[in-house]
Amino acid sequence: MNTAALEIIRIDQDTLARHLDDLCRVSIDTVAEGAAIGFIAPLDPAEAERFWSRDVKAAIGSGARLLFGALMDGKIVGTVQLVVGMPPNQSHRAEISKMIVHPDYRQRGIGKRLLLRAFDAARRAGKTLVTLDTRTGDVSEWLYQAVGFERAGIIPDFALDPDGRALHATTYMYRRL
């Protein structure tokens, strides 16, 4: 597939409903490939559907989160969430969450384009700092560094690996806008 056909879109509640199957597929397949995005493998389709149709839909409806999708050939192949609803003493900050690219679409610049769109949205929302956490040593850590994130620190034994067998460390990162 040609990345020229890639479009990064903002996903509202209606768009989420139209692309719910795509969003679930991206999550399920990504977790099956070992991505540490908060779920244990195998990700049950009903759990994935609840996550998108209840949790994420409510957060984007309230304006606390912005959701962006990578659209290719009419289907969502990647997503990133930007948490903009922060406590009063952190209103200058946004957080990257659930940066996901389907395994079949990696190494095409999709993750970078999703992040750049999130940075643009953060700037427009008046944010001056973006933070995230990622499994230490993941390829995603290198992507984040390539778009300007710096390491803030590592926390050992932060979360279970997707197979549920071992704890892994997480790296906290930040990027000034």
N, C-alpha and C. Protein backbone atom coordinates (compact mmCIF):
# COMPACT_ATOMS: atom_id res chain seq x y z
N MET A 1 0.83 -1.18 0.00
CA MET A 1 0.00 0.00 0.00
C MET A 1 0.87 1.24 0.00
N ASN A 2 0.35 2.29 -0.57
CA ASN A 2 1.05 3.54 -0.72
C ASN A 2 0.67 4.48 0.43
N THR A 3 1.67 5.03 1.12
CA THR A 3 1.35 5.94 2.22
C THR A 3 0.82 7.27 1.71
N ALA A 4 0.93 7.53 0.39
CA ALA A 4 0.35 8.75 -0.15
C ALA A 4 -1.17 8.72 0.02
N ALA A 5 -1.75 7.54 0.11
CA ALA A 5 -3.19 7.39 0.29
C ALA A 5 -3.58 7.53 1.76
N LEU A 6 -2.62 7.77 2.61
CA LEU A 6 -2.86 7.89 4.05
C LEU A 6 -3.44 9.25 4.38
N GLU A 7 -4.48 9.25 5.21
CA GLU A 7 -5.07 10.50 5.69
C GLU A 7 -5.17 10.40 7.21
N ILE A 8 -4.71 11.44 7.90
CA ILE A 8 -4.85 11.50 9.35
C ILE A 8 -6.09 12.32 9.65
N ILE A 9 -7.05 11.70 10.33
CA ILE A 9 -8.33 12.35 10.59
C ILE A 9 -8.57 12.47 12.09
N ARG A 10 -9.34 13.47 12.47
CA ARG A 10 -9.81 13.55 13.85
C ARG A 10 -11.08 12.71 13.92
N ILE A 11 -11.15 11.87 14.93
CA ILE A 11 -12.27 10.96 15.09
C ILE A 11 -13.19 11.49 16.18
N ASP A 12 -14.41 11.83 15.78
CA ASP A 12 -15.43 12.24 16.75
C ASP A 12 -16.28 11.02 17.09
N GLN A 13 -17.31 11.21 17.88
CA GLN A 13 -18.13 10.07 18.32
C GLN A 13 -18.81 9.36 17.15
N ASP A 14 -19.29 10.11 16.16
CA ASP A 14 -19.94 9.48 15.01
C ASP A 14 -18.94 8.69 14.17
N THR A 15 -17.76 9.27 13.95
CA THR A 15 -16.73 8.58 13.18
C THR A 15 -16.27 7.33 13.92
N LEU A 16 -16.16 7.42 15.24
CA LEU A 16 -15.80 6.25 16.05
C LEU A 16 -16.82 5.13 15.82
N ALA A 17 -18.08 5.46 15.85
CA ALA A 17 -19.12 4.44 15.66
C ALA A 17 -19.01 3.80 14.28
N ARG A 18 -18.73 4.60 13.26
CA ARG A 18 -18.59 4.06 11.89
C ARG A 18 -17.38 3.16 11.74
N HIS A 19 -16.32 3.45 12.49
CA HIS A 19 -15.07 2.69 12.36
C HIS A 19 -14.80 1.80 13.56
N LEU A 20 -15.83 1.48 14.33
CA LEU A 20 -15.65 0.67 15.54
C LEU A 20 -14.97 -0.66 15.24
N ASP A 21 -15.38 -1.35 14.19
CA ASP A 21 -14.75 -2.63 13.84
C ASP A 21 -13.27 -2.47 13.56
N ASP A 22 -12.90 -1.40 12.82
CA ASP A 22 -11.49 -1.14 12.52
C ASP A 22 -10.70 -0.90 13.81
N LEU A 23 -11.25 -0.07 14.69
CA LEU A 23 -10.56 0.27 15.93
C LEU A 23 -10.35 -0.98 16.79
N CYS A 24 -11.36 -1.82 16.85
CA CYS A 24 -11.23 -3.07 17.61
C CYS A 24 -10.18 -3.98 16.98
N ARG A 25 -10.20 -4.10 15.66
CA ARG A 25 -9.24 -4.95 14.96
C ARG A 25 -7.81 -4.48 15.19
N VAL A 26 -7.59 -3.17 15.09
CA VAL A 26 -6.25 -2.63 15.32
C VAL A 26 -5.78 -2.96 16.74
N SER A 27 -6.64 -2.79 17.72
CA SER A 27 -6.28 -3.07 19.11
C SER A 27 -6.00 -4.55 19.33
N ILE A 28 -6.91 -5.40 18.88
CA ILE A 28 -6.77 -6.85 19.08
C ILE A 28 -5.50 -7.37 18.42
N ASP A 29 -5.26 -6.97 17.17
CA ASP A 29 -4.08 -7.46 16.44
C ASP A 29 -2.79 -6.91 17.02
N THR A 30 -2.81 -5.68 17.49
CA THR A 30 -1.61 -5.07 18.06
C THR A 30 -1.25 -5.74 19.39
N VAL A 31 -2.24 -6.01 20.22
CA VAL A 31 -1.98 -6.71 21.48
C VAL A 31 -1.48 -8.13 21.20
N ALA A 32 -2.06 -8.79 20.21
CA ALA A 32 -1.62 -10.14 19.84
C ALA A 32 -0.16 -10.17 19.41
N GLU A 33 0.32 -9.06 18.85
CA GLU A 33 1.72 -8.94 18.42
C GLU A 33 2.64 -8.52 19.56
N GLY A 34 2.09 -8.31 20.77
CA GLY A 34 2.93 -8.01 21.92
C GLY A 34 2.98 -6.57 22.36
N ALA A 35 2.14 -5.70 21.78
CA ALA A 35 2.17 -4.29 22.18
C ALA A 35 1.66 -4.12 23.60
N ALA A 36 2.36 -3.28 24.35
CA ALA A 36 1.99 -2.98 25.74
C ALA A 36 1.13 -1.72 25.74
N ILE A 37 -0.18 -1.91 25.54
CA ILE A 37 -1.09 -0.76 25.48
C ILE A 37 -2.20 -0.88 26.53
N GLY A 38 -1.92 -1.62 27.60
CA GLY A 38 -2.85 -1.68 28.71
C GLY A 38 -3.75 -2.90 28.75
N PHE A 39 -3.58 -3.83 27.83
CA PHE A 39 -4.43 -5.02 27.77
C PHE A 39 -3.58 -6.28 27.88
N ILE A 40 -4.21 -7.37 28.30
CA ILE A 40 -3.57 -8.69 28.34
C ILE A 40 -4.07 -9.48 27.13
N ALA A 41 -3.15 -10.18 26.48
CA ALA A 41 -3.49 -11.01 25.31
C ALA A 41 -4.06 -12.34 25.77
N PRO A 42 -4.95 -12.92 24.99
CA PRO A 42 -5.57 -12.29 23.83
C PRO A 42 -6.63 -11.28 24.28
N LEU A 43 -6.68 -10.16 23.57
CA LEU A 43 -7.68 -9.14 23.87
C LEU A 43 -9.03 -9.62 23.36
N ASP A 44 -9.96 -9.79 24.29
CA ASP A 44 -11.31 -10.24 23.96
C ASP A 44 -12.01 -9.17 23.11
N PRO A 45 -12.63 -9.57 22.00
CA PRO A 45 -13.33 -8.59 21.15
C PRO A 45 -14.36 -7.75 21.92
N ALA A 46 -15.06 -8.35 22.87
CA ALA A 46 -16.04 -7.59 23.65
C ALA A 46 -15.36 -6.53 24.52
N GLU A 47 -14.18 -6.86 25.06
CA GLU A 47 -13.43 -5.88 25.86
C GLU A 47 -12.94 -4.74 24.97
N ALA A 48 -12.45 -5.07 23.78
CA ALA A 48 -12.01 -4.03 22.85
C ALA A 48 -13.18 -3.12 22.47
N GLU A 49 -14.33 -3.72 22.20
CA GLU A 49 -15.50 -2.92 21.84
C GLU A 49 -15.93 -2.01 22.98
N ARG A 50 -15.93 -2.52 24.21
CA ARG A 50 -16.27 -1.69 25.37
C ARG A 50 -15.30 -0.53 25.52
N PHE A 51 -14.02 -0.83 25.34
CA PHE A 51 -13.01 0.21 25.47
C PHE A 51 -13.30 1.37 24.51
N TRP A 52 -13.52 1.04 23.24
CA TRP A 52 -13.74 2.09 22.24
C TRP A 52 -15.13 2.71 22.35
N SER A 53 -16.16 1.88 22.42
CA SER A 53 -17.53 2.41 22.35
C SER A 53 -18.02 3.04 23.65
N ARG A 54 -17.39 2.70 24.77
CA ARG A 54 -17.80 3.28 26.04
C ARG A 54 -16.74 4.25 26.55
N ASP A 55 -15.55 3.76 26.85
CA ASP A 55 -14.52 4.57 27.51
C ASP A 55 -14.03 5.71 26.62
N VAL A 56 -13.56 5.37 25.43
CA VAL A 56 -13.00 6.39 24.55
C VAL A 56 -14.10 7.31 24.03
N LYS A 57 -15.23 6.75 23.66
CA LYS A 57 -16.33 7.58 23.15
C LYS A 57 -16.74 8.63 24.18
N ALA A 58 -16.85 8.25 25.44
CA ALA A 58 -17.21 9.20 26.49
C ALA A 58 -16.14 10.28 26.65
N ALA A 59 -14.88 9.88 26.61
CA ALA A 59 -13.78 10.84 26.80
C ALA A 59 -13.70 11.85 25.66
N ILE A 60 -13.91 11.38 24.42
CA ILE A 60 -13.86 12.34 23.31
C ILE A 60 -15.13 13.19 23.28
N GLY A 61 -16.24 12.62 23.74
CA GLY A 61 -17.48 13.39 23.81
C GLY A 61 -17.40 14.52 24.81
N SER A 62 -16.68 14.30 25.90
CA SER A 62 -16.54 15.33 26.94
C SER A 62 -15.47 16.36 26.59
N GLY A 63 -14.65 16.05 25.59
CA GLY A 63 -13.55 16.94 25.22
C GLY A 63 -12.29 16.70 26.01
N ALA A 64 -12.28 15.72 26.91
CA ALA A 64 -11.10 15.42 27.71
C ALA A 64 -10.00 14.78 26.87
N ARG A 65 -10.38 14.11 25.79
CA ARG A 65 -9.43 13.47 24.88
C ARG A 65 -9.76 13.83 23.45
N LEU A 66 -8.72 13.89 22.65
CA LEU A 66 -8.88 13.99 21.20
C LEU A 66 -8.37 12.68 20.62
N LEU A 67 -9.06 12.18 19.63
CA LEU A 67 -8.69 10.91 19.00
C LEU A 67 -8.41 11.16 17.53
N PHE A 68 -7.26 10.68 17.07
CA PHE A 68 -6.89 10.80 15.67
C PHE A 68 -6.70 9.41 15.09
N GLY A 69 -7.04 9.25 13.83
CA GLY A 69 -6.90 7.96 13.17
C GLY A 69 -6.15 8.09 11.87
N ALA A 70 -5.42 7.04 11.53
CA ALA A 70 -4.76 6.93 10.24
C ALA A 70 -5.69 6.13 9.34
N LEU A 71 -6.18 6.77 8.30
CA LEU A 71 -7.17 6.18 7.41
C LEU A 71 -6.50 5.82 6.09
N MET A 72 -6.56 4.54 5.73
CA MET A 72 -6.03 4.06 4.44
C MET A 72 -7.08 3.17 3.81
N ASP A 73 -7.36 3.43 2.56
CA ASP A 73 -8.34 2.62 1.82
C ASP A 73 -9.64 2.47 2.59
N GLY A 74 -10.06 3.54 3.24
CA GLY A 74 -11.35 3.55 3.92
C GLY A 74 -11.38 2.90 5.28
N LYS A 75 -10.22 2.44 5.78
CA LYS A 75 -10.22 1.82 7.10
C LYS A 75 -9.15 2.43 8.00
N ILE A 76 -9.43 2.40 9.30
CA ILE A 76 -8.49 2.90 10.29
C ILE A 76 -7.41 1.85 10.51
N VAL A 77 -6.14 2.27 10.36
CA VAL A 77 -5.01 1.35 10.53
C VAL A 77 -4.10 1.77 11.69
N GLY A 78 -4.42 2.90 12.32
CA GLY A 78 -3.65 3.36 13.46
C GLY A 78 -4.38 4.48 14.17
N THR A 79 -4.06 4.67 15.44
CA THR A 79 -4.69 5.74 16.22
C THR A 79 -3.71 6.31 17.24
N VAL A 80 -4.02 7.50 17.68
CA VAL A 80 -3.35 8.09 18.83
C VAL A 80 -4.38 8.94 19.56
N GLN A 81 -4.29 8.93 20.88
CA GLN A 81 -5.16 9.78 21.70
C GLN A 81 -4.32 10.86 22.35
N LEU A 82 -4.90 12.04 22.42
CA LEU A 82 -4.26 13.16 23.10
C LEU A 82 -5.16 13.57 24.26
N VAL A 83 -4.67 13.34 25.46
CA VAL A 83 -5.42 13.70 26.66
C VAL A 83 -5.17 15.19 26.92
N VAL A 84 -6.22 15.99 26.78
CA VAL A 84 -6.10 17.43 26.99
C VAL A 84 -6.79 17.89 28.27
N GLY A 85 -7.66 17.06 28.81
CA GLY A 85 -8.35 17.38 30.06
C GLY A 85 -7.47 17.04 31.24
N MET A 86 -6.73 18.02 31.70
CA MET A 86 -5.76 17.81 32.77
C MET A 86 -6.19 18.57 34.02
N PRO A 87 -5.63 18.21 35.18
CA PRO A 87 -5.93 18.95 36.42
C PRO A 87 -5.55 20.42 36.27
N PRO A 88 -6.14 21.30 37.08
CA PRO A 88 -5.87 22.73 36.97
C PRO A 88 -4.39 23.11 37.04
N ASN A 89 -3.61 22.40 37.84
CA ASN A 89 -2.19 22.75 37.95
C ASN A 89 -1.34 22.17 36.83
N GLN A 90 -1.99 21.47 35.88
CA GLN A 90 -1.27 20.90 34.74
C GLN A 90 -1.95 21.27 33.42
N SER A 91 -2.66 22.38 33.41
CA SER A 91 -3.44 22.75 32.23
C SER A 91 -2.57 23.09 31.02
N HIS A 92 -1.28 23.28 31.23
CA HIS A 92 -0.35 23.55 30.13
C HIS A 92 0.11 22.27 29.43
N ARG A 93 -0.29 21.12 29.96
CA ARG A 93 0.24 19.83 29.52
C ARG A 93 -0.84 18.98 28.87
N ALA A 94 -0.41 18.16 27.91
CA ALA A 94 -1.25 17.12 27.31
C ALA A 94 -0.48 15.81 27.39
N GLU A 95 -1.19 14.71 27.20
CA GLU A 95 -0.54 13.40 27.30
C GLU A 95 -0.92 12.54 26.10
N ILE A 96 0.08 11.89 25.52
CA ILE A 96 -0.14 10.92 24.44
C ILE A 96 -0.55 9.60 25.08
N SER A 97 -1.58 8.98 24.50
CA SER A 97 -2.08 7.71 25.01
C SER A 97 -2.49 6.81 23.85
N LYS A 98 -2.31 5.52 24.03
CA LYS A 98 -2.76 4.51 23.06
C LYS A 98 -2.31 4.84 21.64
N MET A 99 -1.00 5.04 21.48
CA MET A 99 -0.41 5.22 20.15
C MET A 99 -0.32 3.82 19.54
N ILE A 100 -1.17 3.54 18.56
CA ILE A 100 -1.32 2.18 18.03
C ILE A 100 -1.27 2.21 16.51
N VAL A 101 -0.40 1.40 15.92
CA VAL A 101 -0.41 1.19 14.46
C VAL A 101 -0.52 -0.31 14.23
N HIS A 102 -1.47 -0.70 13.39
CA HIS A 102 -1.67 -2.13 13.10
C HIS A 102 -0.35 -2.74 12.62
N PRO A 103 -0.01 -3.95 13.06
CA PRO A 103 1.25 -4.58 12.68
C PRO A 103 1.49 -4.64 11.17
N ASP A 104 0.46 -4.79 10.37
CA ASP A 104 0.62 -4.86 8.91
C ASP A 104 0.96 -3.52 8.28
N TYR A 105 0.88 -2.44 9.04
CA TYR A 105 1.08 -1.09 8.49
C TYR A 105 2.24 -0.35 9.13
N ARG A 106 3.08 -1.06 9.87
CA ARG A 106 4.21 -0.40 10.53
C ARG A 106 5.33 -0.13 9.54
N GLN A 107 6.25 0.72 9.96
CA GLN A 107 7.43 1.11 9.17
C GLN A 107 7.05 1.86 7.90
N ARG A 108 5.97 2.62 7.96
CA ARG A 108 5.51 3.42 6.82
C ARG A 108 5.37 4.90 7.18
N GLY A 109 5.80 5.27 8.37
CA GLY A 109 5.69 6.66 8.80
C GLY A 109 4.34 7.04 9.38
N ILE A 110 3.47 6.05 9.58
CA ILE A 110 2.12 6.33 10.09
C ILE A 110 2.17 6.84 11.53
N GLY A 111 2.96 6.20 12.37
CA GLY A 111 3.07 6.64 13.76
C GLY A 111 3.57 8.07 13.85
N LYS A 112 4.57 8.40 13.05
CA LYS A 112 5.11 9.75 13.06
C LYS A 112 4.05 10.76 12.65
N ARG A 113 3.30 10.45 11.62
CA ARG A 113 2.25 11.37 11.16
C ARG A 113 1.15 11.54 12.20
N LEU A 114 0.79 10.46 12.88
CA LEU A 114 -0.20 10.57 13.95
C LEU A 114 0.32 11.48 15.07
N LEU A 115 1.57 11.30 15.46
CA LEU A 115 2.14 12.12 16.52
C LEU A 115 2.21 13.59 16.12
N LEU A 116 2.62 13.86 14.89
CA LEU A 116 2.70 15.25 14.44
C LEU A 116 1.33 15.92 14.46
N ARG A 117 0.30 15.17 14.09
CA ARG A 117 -1.06 15.71 14.14
C ARG A 117 -1.46 15.98 15.59
N ALA A 118 -1.09 15.10 16.49
CA ALA A 118 -1.39 15.30 17.91
C ALA A 118 -0.67 16.54 18.45
N PHE A 119 0.59 16.73 18.05
CA PHE A 119 1.34 17.92 18.49
C PHE A 119 0.65 19.19 18.02
N ASP A 120 0.20 19.19 16.76
CA ASP A 120 -0.50 20.35 16.21
C ASP A 120 -1.76 20.66 17.03
N ALA A 121 -2.51 19.61 17.35
CA ALA A 121 -3.73 19.80 18.15
C ALA A 121 -3.39 20.30 19.55
N ALA A 122 -2.31 19.79 20.13
CA ALA A 122 -1.90 20.24 21.46
C ALA A 122 -1.55 21.73 21.44
N ARG A 123 -0.82 22.15 20.42
CA ARG A 123 -0.47 23.57 20.30
C ARG A 123 -1.73 24.43 20.20
N ARG A 124 -2.67 24.00 19.34
CA ARG A 124 -3.91 24.76 19.16
C ARG A 124 -4.72 24.82 20.45
N ALA A 125 -4.55 23.82 21.31
CA ALA A 125 -5.25 23.81 22.60
C ALA A 125 -4.47 24.59 23.67
N GLY A 126 -3.37 25.24 23.27
CA GLY A 126 -2.60 26.05 24.21
C GLY A 126 -1.65 25.26 25.08
N LYS A 127 -1.35 24.02 24.70
CA LYS A 127 -0.44 23.19 25.49
C LYS A 127 1.00 23.50 25.11
N THR A 128 1.89 23.43 26.09
CA THR A 128 3.31 23.68 25.84
C THR A 128 4.19 22.48 26.16
N LEU A 129 3.58 21.43 26.70
CA LEU A 129 4.33 20.24 27.08
C LEU A 129 3.46 19.02 26.79
N VAL A 130 4.08 17.98 26.21
CA VAL A 130 3.39 16.72 25.96
C VAL A 130 4.19 15.62 26.65
N THR A 131 3.50 14.73 27.36
CA THR A 131 4.16 13.64 28.07
C THR A 131 3.57 12.31 27.62
N LEU A 132 4.28 11.23 27.94
CA LEU A 132 3.79 9.88 27.67
C LEU A 132 4.61 8.89 28.47
N ASP A 133 4.12 7.65 28.51
CA ASP A 133 4.95 6.56 29.01
C ASP A 133 4.88 5.43 28.01
N THR A 134 5.98 4.67 27.93
CA THR A 134 6.06 3.56 27.00
C THR A 134 6.93 2.47 27.60
N ARG A 135 6.70 1.24 27.18
CA ARG A 135 7.50 0.14 27.70
C ARG A 135 8.97 0.38 27.34
N THR A 136 9.81 0.32 28.34
CA THR A 136 11.24 0.56 28.15
C THR A 136 11.82 -0.43 27.14
N GLY A 137 12.53 0.12 26.15
CA GLY A 137 13.17 -0.70 25.13
C GLY A 137 12.31 -1.03 23.93
N ASP A 138 11.03 -0.67 23.96
CA ASP A 138 10.15 -0.91 22.82
C ASP A 138 10.61 -0.09 21.62
N VAL A 139 10.27 -0.55 20.43
CA VAL A 139 10.58 0.23 19.23
C VAL A 139 9.87 1.58 19.28
N SER A 140 8.74 1.65 19.97
CA SER A 140 8.03 2.92 20.08
C SER A 140 8.88 3.98 20.78
N GLU A 141 9.73 3.55 21.68
CA GLU A 141 10.60 4.50 22.39
C GLU A 141 11.49 5.24 21.39
N TRP A 142 11.95 4.53 20.39
CA TRP A 142 12.82 5.15 19.38
C TRP A 142 12.02 6.09 18.48
N LEU A 143 10.79 5.72 18.17
CA LEU A 143 9.92 6.62 17.40
C LEU A 143 9.70 7.92 18.17
N TYR A 144 9.41 7.81 19.44
CA TYR A 144 9.16 9.01 20.25
C TYR A 144 10.39 9.91 20.29
N GLN A 145 11.57 9.31 20.42
CA GLN A 145 12.79 10.11 20.42
C GLN A 145 12.99 10.79 19.06
N ALA A 146 12.64 10.10 17.99
CA ALA A 146 12.81 10.65 16.64
C ALA A 146 11.94 11.88 16.40
N VAL A 147 10.83 12.01 17.12
CA VAL A 147 9.97 13.18 16.96
C VAL A 147 10.17 14.20 18.09
N GLY A 148 11.26 14.04 18.84
CA GLY A 148 11.65 15.07 19.80
C GLY A 148 11.38 14.81 21.26
N PHE A 149 10.86 13.64 21.61
CA PHE A 149 10.66 13.34 23.03
C PHE A 149 12.00 13.06 23.70
N GLU A 150 12.10 13.44 24.96
CA GLU A 150 13.27 13.17 25.77
C GLU A 150 12.86 12.28 26.93
N ARG A 151 13.80 11.44 27.36
CA ARG A 151 13.53 10.56 28.50
C ARG A 151 13.55 11.36 29.79
N ALA A 152 12.55 11.11 30.63
CA ALA A 152 12.51 11.75 31.95
C ALA A 152 12.94 10.78 33.03
N GLY A 153 12.71 9.49 32.81
CA GLY A 153 13.08 8.49 33.80
C GLY A 153 12.41 7.16 33.53
N ILE A 154 12.88 6.15 34.25
CA ILE A 154 12.38 4.79 34.08
C ILE A 154 11.85 4.29 35.42
N ILE A 155 10.69 3.65 35.37
CA ILE A 155 10.10 3.03 36.56
C ILE A 155 10.13 1.52 36.35
N PRO A 156 10.81 0.77 37.23
CA PRO A 156 10.85 -0.69 37.07
C PRO A 156 9.51 -1.33 37.44
N ASP A 157 9.28 -2.51 36.90
CA ASP A 157 8.10 -3.32 37.26
C ASP A 157 6.80 -2.52 37.20
N PHE A 158 6.63 -1.74 36.16
CA PHE A 158 5.49 -0.83 36.05
C PHE A 158 4.19 -1.53 35.68
N ALA A 159 4.26 -2.49 34.74
CA ALA A 159 3.04 -3.15 34.26
C ALA A 159 3.39 -4.54 33.75
N LEU A 160 2.36 -5.36 33.65
CA LEU A 160 2.55 -6.69 33.07
C LEU A 160 2.73 -6.61 31.56
N ASP A 161 3.58 -7.48 31.04
CA ASP A 161 3.66 -7.64 29.59
C ASP A 161 2.31 -8.15 29.09
N PRO A 162 2.02 -7.98 27.81
CA PRO A 162 0.73 -8.43 27.28
C PRO A 162 0.45 -9.92 27.48
N ASP A 163 1.51 -10.73 27.61
CA ASP A 163 1.28 -12.16 27.85
C ASP A 163 0.97 -12.45 29.33
N GLY A 164 1.07 -11.44 30.18
CA GLY A 164 0.72 -11.57 31.59
C GLY A 164 1.74 -12.31 32.43
N ARG A 165 2.90 -12.61 31.87
CA ARG A 165 3.88 -13.45 32.58
C ARG A 165 4.93 -12.67 33.38
N ALA A 166 5.27 -11.48 32.93
CA ALA A 166 6.36 -10.75 33.58
C ALA A 166 6.05 -9.26 33.62
N LEU A 167 6.63 -8.61 34.62
CA LEU A 167 6.51 -7.17 34.73
C LEU A 167 7.58 -6.51 33.87
N HIS A 168 7.24 -5.37 33.29
CA HIS A 168 8.23 -4.63 32.52
C HIS A 168 8.35 -3.20 33.06
N ALA A 169 9.47 -2.59 32.75
CA ALA A 169 9.70 -1.19 33.13
C ALA A 169 9.00 -0.28 32.13
N THR A 170 8.74 0.94 32.55
CA THR A 170 8.21 1.95 31.63
C THR A 170 9.12 3.17 31.66
N THR A 171 9.22 3.80 30.51
CA THR A 171 10.00 5.02 30.37
C THR A 171 9.04 6.20 30.24
N TYR A 172 9.19 7.17 31.12
CA TYR A 172 8.43 8.41 30.99
C TYR A 172 9.20 9.35 30.09
N MET A 173 8.46 10.02 29.19
CA MET A 173 9.09 10.90 28.22
C MET A 173 8.30 12.20 28.14
N TYR A 174 8.98 13.25 27.67
CA TYR A 174 8.32 14.54 27.50
C TYR A 174 8.84 15.23 26.25
N ARG A 175 8.03 16.14 25.74
CA ARG A 175 8.42 16.96 24.59
C ARG A 175 7.81 18.34 24.79
N ARG A 176 8.67 19.33 24.74
CA ARG A 176 8.19 20.71 24.79
C ARG A 176 7.72 21.12 23.40
N LEU A 177 6.65 21.88 23.35
CA LEU A 177 6.13 22.35 22.06
C LEU A 177 6.55 23.79 21.80
